[in-house]
Amino acid sequence: MRCMVCSNKGGKYGVIRILQTAINTAVLVSMLCLAYSGIVMSRYVFGFIPAKAK
């Protein structure tokens, strides 16, 4: 049985594959931005709680 990851090393990058990669990258960047803004907003909203990182 062949390894799916090993057998998918190369190949041409067609239009569909490039589009999928671009969309996946955009989703990843969006998720990172959402995580960052959630941390910033939680510090602002819950600023009255005296919780400090050591």
PDB file of N, CA and C in Angstrom:
ATOM      1  N   MET A   1       0.845  -1.183   0.000  1.00  0.00           N
ATOM      2  CA  MET A   1       0.000   0.000   0.000  1.00  0.00           C
ATOM      3  C   MET A   1       0.892   1.250   0.000  1.00  0.00           C
ATOM      4  N   ARG A   2       0.610   2.175  -0.886  1.00  0.00           N
ATOM      5  CA  ARG A   2       1.430   3.376  -1.010  1.00  0.00           C
ATOM      6  C   ARG A   2       0.989   4.442  -0.021  1.00  0.00           C
ATOM      7  N   CYS A   3       1.965   5.189   0.416  1.00  0.00           N
ATOM      8  CA  CYS A   3       1.690   6.304   1.312  1.00  0.00           C
ATOM      9  C   CYS A   3       1.125   7.462   0.487  1.00  0.00           C
ATOM     10  N   MET A   4      -0.021   7.979   0.915  1.00  0.00           N
ATOM     11  CA  MET A   4      -0.658   9.051   0.139  1.00  0.00           C
ATOM     12  C   MET A   4       0.171  10.329   0.165  1.00  0.00           C
ATOM     13  N   VAL A   5       0.802  10.617   1.279  1.00  0.00           N
ATOM     14  CA  VAL A   5       1.608  11.826   1.383  1.00  0.00           C
ATOM     15  C   VAL A   5       2.859  11.693   0.529  1.00  0.00           C
ATOM     16  N   CYS A   6       3.473  10.516   0.558  1.00  0.00           N
ATOM     17  CA  CYS A   6       4.704  10.295  -0.199  1.00  0.00           C
ATOM     18  C   CYS A   6       4.455  10.295  -1.704  1.00  0.00           C
ATOM     19  N   SER A   7       3.309   9.797  -2.116  1.00  0.00           N
ATOM     20  CA  SER A   7       3.035   9.704  -3.542  1.00  0.00           C
ATOM     21  C   SER A   7       2.546  11.026  -4.139  1.00  0.00           C
ATOM     22  N   ASN A   8       2.305  12.021  -3.294  1.00  0.00           N
ATOM     23  CA  ASN A   8       1.775  13.301  -3.757  1.00  0.00           C
ATOM     24  C   ASN A   8       2.848  14.385  -3.684  1.00  0.00           C
ATOM     25  N   LYS A   9       4.080  14.042  -3.994  1.00  0.00           N
ATOM     26  CA  LYS A   9       5.184  14.985  -3.850  1.00  0.00           C
ATOM     27  C   LYS A   9       5.202  16.061  -4.925  1.00  0.00           C
ATOM     28  N   GLY A  10       4.957  15.699  -6.129  1.00  0.00           N
ATOM     29  CA  GLY A  10       5.144  16.664  -7.207  1.00  0.00           C
ATOM     30  C   GLY A  10       3.874  16.881  -7.991  1.00  0.00           C
ATOM     31  N   GLY A  11       4.059  17.161  -9.232  1.00  0.00           N
ATOM     32  CA  GLY A  11       2.917  17.375 -10.099  1.00  0.00           C
ATOM     33  C   GLY A  11       2.803  18.820 -10.512  1.00  0.00           C
ATOM     34  N   LYS A  12       1.983  19.019 -11.499  1.00  0.00           N
ATOM     35  CA  LYS A  12       1.763  20.375 -11.995  1.00  0.00           C
ATOM     36  C   LYS A  12       0.803  21.119 -11.077  1.00  0.00           C
ATOM     37  N   TYR A  13       1.025  22.392 -10.999  1.00  0.00           N
ATOM     38  CA  TYR A  13       0.099  23.250 -10.285  1.00  0.00           C
ATOM     39  C   TYR A  13      -0.860  23.839 -11.316  1.00  0.00           C
ATOM     40  N   GLY A  14      -2.023  23.260 -11.391  1.00  0.00           N
ATOM     41  CA  GLY A  14      -3.033  23.764 -12.300  1.00  0.00           C
ATOM     42  C   GLY A  14      -3.771  24.928 -11.675  1.00  0.00           C
ATOM     43  N   VAL A  15      -4.716  25.459 -12.408  1.00  0.00           N
ATOM     44  CA  VAL A  15      -5.487  26.619 -11.951  1.00  0.00           C
ATOM     45  C   VAL A  15      -6.269  26.277 -10.693  1.00  0.00           C
ATOM     46  N   ILE A  16      -6.894  25.108 -10.668  1.00  0.00           N
ATOM     47  CA  ILE A  16      -7.702  24.715  -9.512  1.00  0.00           C
ATOM     48  C   ILE A  16      -6.823  24.548  -8.278  1.00  0.00           C
ATOM     49  N   ARG A  17      -5.671  23.923  -8.447  1.00  0.00           N
ATOM     50  CA  ARG A  17      -4.778  23.694  -7.314  1.00  0.00           C
ATOM     51  C   ARG A  17      -4.227  25.006  -6.767  1.00  0.00           C
ATOM     52  N   ILE A  18      -3.906  25.930  -7.642  1.00  0.00           N
ATOM     53  CA  ILE A  18      -3.427  27.248  -7.209  1.00  0.00           C
ATOM     54  C   ILE A  18      -4.535  27.991  -6.474  1.00  0.00           C
ATOM     55  N   LEU A  19      -5.746  27.917  -6.984  1.00  0.00           N
ATOM     56  CA  LEU A  19      -6.881  28.575  -6.337  1.00  0.00           C
ATOM     57  C   LEU A  19      -7.149  27.968  -4.958  1.00  0.00           C
ATOM     58  N   GLN A  20      -7.088  26.658  -4.840  1.00  0.00           N
ATOM     59  CA  GLN A  20      -7.296  26.008  -3.546  1.00  0.00           C
ATOM     60  C   GLN A  20      -6.218  26.403  -2.547  1.00  0.00           C
ATOM     61  N   THR A  21      -4.980  26.479  -3.001  1.00  0.00           N
ATOM     62  CA  THR A  21      -3.888  26.884  -2.124  1.00  0.00           C
ATOM     63  C   THR A  21      -4.067  28.322  -1.670  1.00  0.00           C
ATOM     64  N   ALA A  22      -4.476  29.196  -2.564  1.00  0.00           N
ATOM     65  CA  ALA A  22      -4.695  30.607  -2.210  1.00  0.00           C
ATOM     66  C   ALA A  22      -5.835  30.746  -1.214  1.00  0.00           C
ATOM     67  N   ILE A  23      -6.908  30.005  -1.413  1.00  0.00           N
ATOM     68  CA  ILE A  23      -8.042  30.068  -0.491  1.00  0.00           C
ATOM     69  C   ILE A  23      -7.648  29.523   0.879  1.00  0.00           C
ATOM     70  N   ASN A  24      -6.921  28.406   0.899  1.00  0.00           N
ATOM     71  CA  ASN A  24      -6.492  27.836   2.173  1.00  0.00           C
ATOM     72  C   ASN A  24      -5.567  28.790   2.924  1.00  0.00           C
ATOM     73  N   THR A  25      -4.678  29.465   2.203  1.00  0.00           N
ATOM     74  CA  THR A  25      -3.786  30.434   2.830  1.00  0.00           C
ATOM     75  C   THR A  25      -4.580  31.616   3.381  1.00  0.00           C
ATOM     76  N   ALA A  26      -5.564  32.081   2.633  1.00  0.00           N
ATOM     77  CA  ALA A  26      -6.391  33.198   3.094  1.00  0.00           C
ATOM     78  C   ALA A  26      -7.190  32.807   4.339  1.00  0.00           C
ATOM     79  N   VAL A  27      -7.688  31.582   4.379  1.00  0.00           N
ATOM     80  CA  VAL A  27      -8.435  31.117   5.554  1.00  0.00           C
ATOM     81  C   VAL A  27      -7.508  31.029   6.761  1.00  0.00           C
ATOM     82  N   LEU A  28      -6.289  30.549   6.572  1.00  0.00           N
ATOM     83  CA  LEU A  28      -5.327  30.463   7.667  1.00  0.00           C
ATOM     84  C   LEU A  28      -4.996  31.840   8.219  1.00  0.00           C
ATOM     85  N   VAL A  29      -4.740  32.795   7.332  1.00  0.00           N
ATOM     86  CA  VAL A  29      -4.436  34.164   7.771  1.00  0.00           C
ATOM     87  C   VAL A  29      -5.623  34.766   8.508  1.00  0.00           C
ATOM     88  N   SER A  30      -6.824  34.511   8.007  1.00  0.00           N
ATOM     89  CA  SER A  30      -8.029  35.008   8.668  1.00  0.00           C
ATOM     90  C   SER A  30      -8.191  34.415  10.065  1.00  0.00           C
ATOM     91  N   MET A  31      -7.914  33.129  10.207  1.00  0.00           N
ATOM     92  CA  MET A  31      -8.009  32.493  11.524  1.00  0.00           C
ATOM     93  C   MET A  31      -7.000  33.074  12.503  1.00  0.00           C
ATOM     94  N   LEU A  32      -5.781  33.333  12.030  1.00  0.00           N
ATOM     95  CA  LEU A  32      -4.770  33.928  12.899  1.00  0.00           C
ATOM     96  C   LEU A  32      -5.165  35.342  13.325  1.00  0.00           C
ATOM     97  N   CYS A  33      -5.728  36.108  12.399  1.00  0.00           N
ATOM     98  CA  CYS A  33      -6.185  37.463  12.731  1.00  0.00           C
ATOM     99  C   CYS A  33      -7.338  37.431  13.729  1.00  0.00           C
ATOM    100  N   LEU A  34      -8.246  36.488  13.560  1.00  0.00           N
ATOM    101  CA  LEU A  34      -9.355  36.362  14.501  1.00  0.00           C
ATOM    102  C   LEU A  34      -8.867  35.976  15.893  1.00  0.00           C
ATOM    103  N   ALA A  35      -7.898  35.084  15.963  1.00  0.00           N
ATOM    104  CA  ALA A  35      -7.349  34.699  17.257  1.00  0.00           C
ATOM    105  C   ALA A  35      -6.686  35.897  17.932  1.00  0.00           C
ATOM    106  N   TYR A  36      -5.925  36.656  17.177  1.00  0.00           N
ATOM    107  CA  TYR A  36      -5.264  37.832  17.732  1.00  0.00           C
ATOM    108  C   TYR A  36      -6.277  38.867  18.215  1.00  0.00           C
ATOM    109  N   SER A  37      -7.287  39.156  17.385  1.00  0.00           N
ATOM    110  CA  SER A  37      -8.272  40.161  17.788  1.00  0.00           C
ATOM    111  C   SER A  37      -9.099  39.679  18.977  1.00  0.00           C
ATOM    112  N   GLY A  38      -9.330  38.374  19.089  1.00  0.00           N
ATOM    113  CA  GLY A  38     -10.048  37.842  20.242  1.00  0.00           C
ATOM    114  C   GLY A  38      -9.264  38.031  21.524  1.00  0.00           C
ATOM    115  N   ILE A  39      -7.947  37.832  21.448  1.00  0.00           N
ATOM    116  CA  ILE A  39      -7.110  38.049  22.631  1.00  0.00           C
ATOM    117  C   ILE A  39      -7.101  39.522  23.022  1.00  0.00           C
ATOM    118  N   VAL A  40      -6.973  40.391  22.044  1.00  0.00           N
ATOM    119  CA  VAL A  40      -6.947  41.833  22.322  1.00  0.00           C
ATOM    120  C   VAL A  40      -8.285  42.282  22.898  1.00  0.00           C
ATOM    121  N   MET A  41      -9.380  41.829  22.316  1.00  0.00           N
ATOM    122  CA  MET A  41     -10.702  42.225  22.806  1.00  0.00           C
ATOM    123  C   MET A  41     -10.984  41.675  24.198  1.00  0.00           C
ATOM    124  N   SER A  42     -10.541  40.461  24.482  1.00  0.00           N
ATOM    125  CA  SER A  42     -10.802  39.904  25.802  1.00  0.00           C
ATOM    126  C   SER A  42     -10.028  40.665  26.875  1.00  0.00           C
ATOM    127  N   ARG A  43      -8.840  41.139  26.543  1.00  0.00           N
ATOM    128  CA  ARG A  43      -8.099  41.961  27.513  1.00  0.00           C
ATOM    129  C   ARG A  43      -8.817  43.288  27.749  1.00  0.00           C
ATOM    130  N   TYR A  44      -9.432  43.824  26.703  1.00  0.00           N
ATOM    131  CA  TYR A  44     -10.154  45.094  26.840  1.00  0.00           C
ATOM    132  C   TYR A  44     -11.457  44.894  27.609  1.00  0.00           C
ATOM    133  N   VAL A  45     -12.228  43.887  27.255  1.00  0.00           N
ATOM    134  CA  VAL A  45     -13.538  43.670  27.869  1.00  0.00           C
ATOM    135  C   VAL A  45     -13.395  43.220  29.313  1.00  0.00           C
ATOM    136  N   PHE A  46     -12.456  42.327  29.579  1.00  0.00           N
ATOM    137  CA  PHE A  46     -12.295  41.785  30.921  1.00  0.00           C
ATOM    138  C   PHE A  46     -11.118  42.427  31.647  1.00  0.00           C
ATOM    139  N   GLY A  47     -10.907  43.695  31.410  1.00  0.00           N
ATOM    140  CA  GLY A  47      -9.802  44.411  32.032  1.00  0.00           C
ATOM    141  C   GLY A  47      -9.963  44.593  33.525  1.00  0.00           C
ATOM    142  N   PHE A  48     -11.185  44.490  34.026  1.00  0.00           N
ATOM    143  CA  PHE A  48     -11.418  44.683  35.458  1.00  0.00           C
ATOM    144  C   PHE A  48     -10.999  43.470  36.280  1.00  0.00           C
ATOM    145  N   ILE A  49     -10.744  42.332  35.636  1.00  0.00           N
ATOM    146  CA  ILE A  49     -10.311  41.138  36.358  1.00  0.00           C
ATOM    147  C   ILE A  49      -8.806  41.217  36.558  1.00  0.00           C
ATOM    148  N   PRO A  50      -8.355  41.147  37.797  1.00  0.00           N
ATOM    149  CA  PRO A  50      -6.908  41.258  38.049  1.00  0.00           C
ATOM    150  C   PRO A  50      -6.167  39.952  37.773  1.00  0.00           C
ATOM    151  N   ALA A  51      -6.039  39.603  36.517  1.00  0.00           N
ATOM    152  CA  ALA A  51      -5.309  38.386  36.126  1.00  0.00           C
ATOM    153  C   ALA A  51      -4.096  38.791  35.322  1.00  0.00           C
ATOM    154  N   LYS A  52      -2.942  38.531  35.888  1.00  0.00           N
ATOM    155  CA  LYS A  52      -1.698  38.882  35.202  1.00  0.00           C
ATOM    156  C   LYS A  52      -0.891  37.626  34.955  1.00  0.00           C
ATOM    157  N   ALA A  53      -0.250  37.579  33.815  1.00  0.00           N
ATOM    158  CA  ALA A  53       0.602  36.440  33.477  1.00  0.00           C
ATOM    159  C   ALA A  53       1.917  36.556  34.231  1.00  0.00           C
ATOM    160  N   LYS A  54       2.396  35.425  34.707  1.00  0.00           N
ATOM    161  CA  LYS A  54       3.656  35.437  35.448  1.00  0.00           C
ATOM    162  C   LYS A  54       4.803  35.134  34.551  1.00  0.00           C
TER     163      LYS A  54
END
